[in-house]
């Protein structure tokens, strides 16, 4: 599956990262970044985390409260 990471500038000057799949569906939108450089640093961090991150189910009270599960 292909996709892309897009960098967008908001009307107020802030930046956001958007992850889009190959069908142009938005999968995720980042928090606000104050500068283009900070947003690009965020892209780098995102790519590093996504490759190794564990999926944690935070839909239950136990995991949402303290992230007691650290990946299985």
Foldseek 3Di string as FASTA:
>chain_A
DDWDWDWDADPVGWIKIWTAGPVRDTDDIGDTHNDPVVRVVVVVVVVVCVVDAADQDLPDPVCVVPVPDRHD
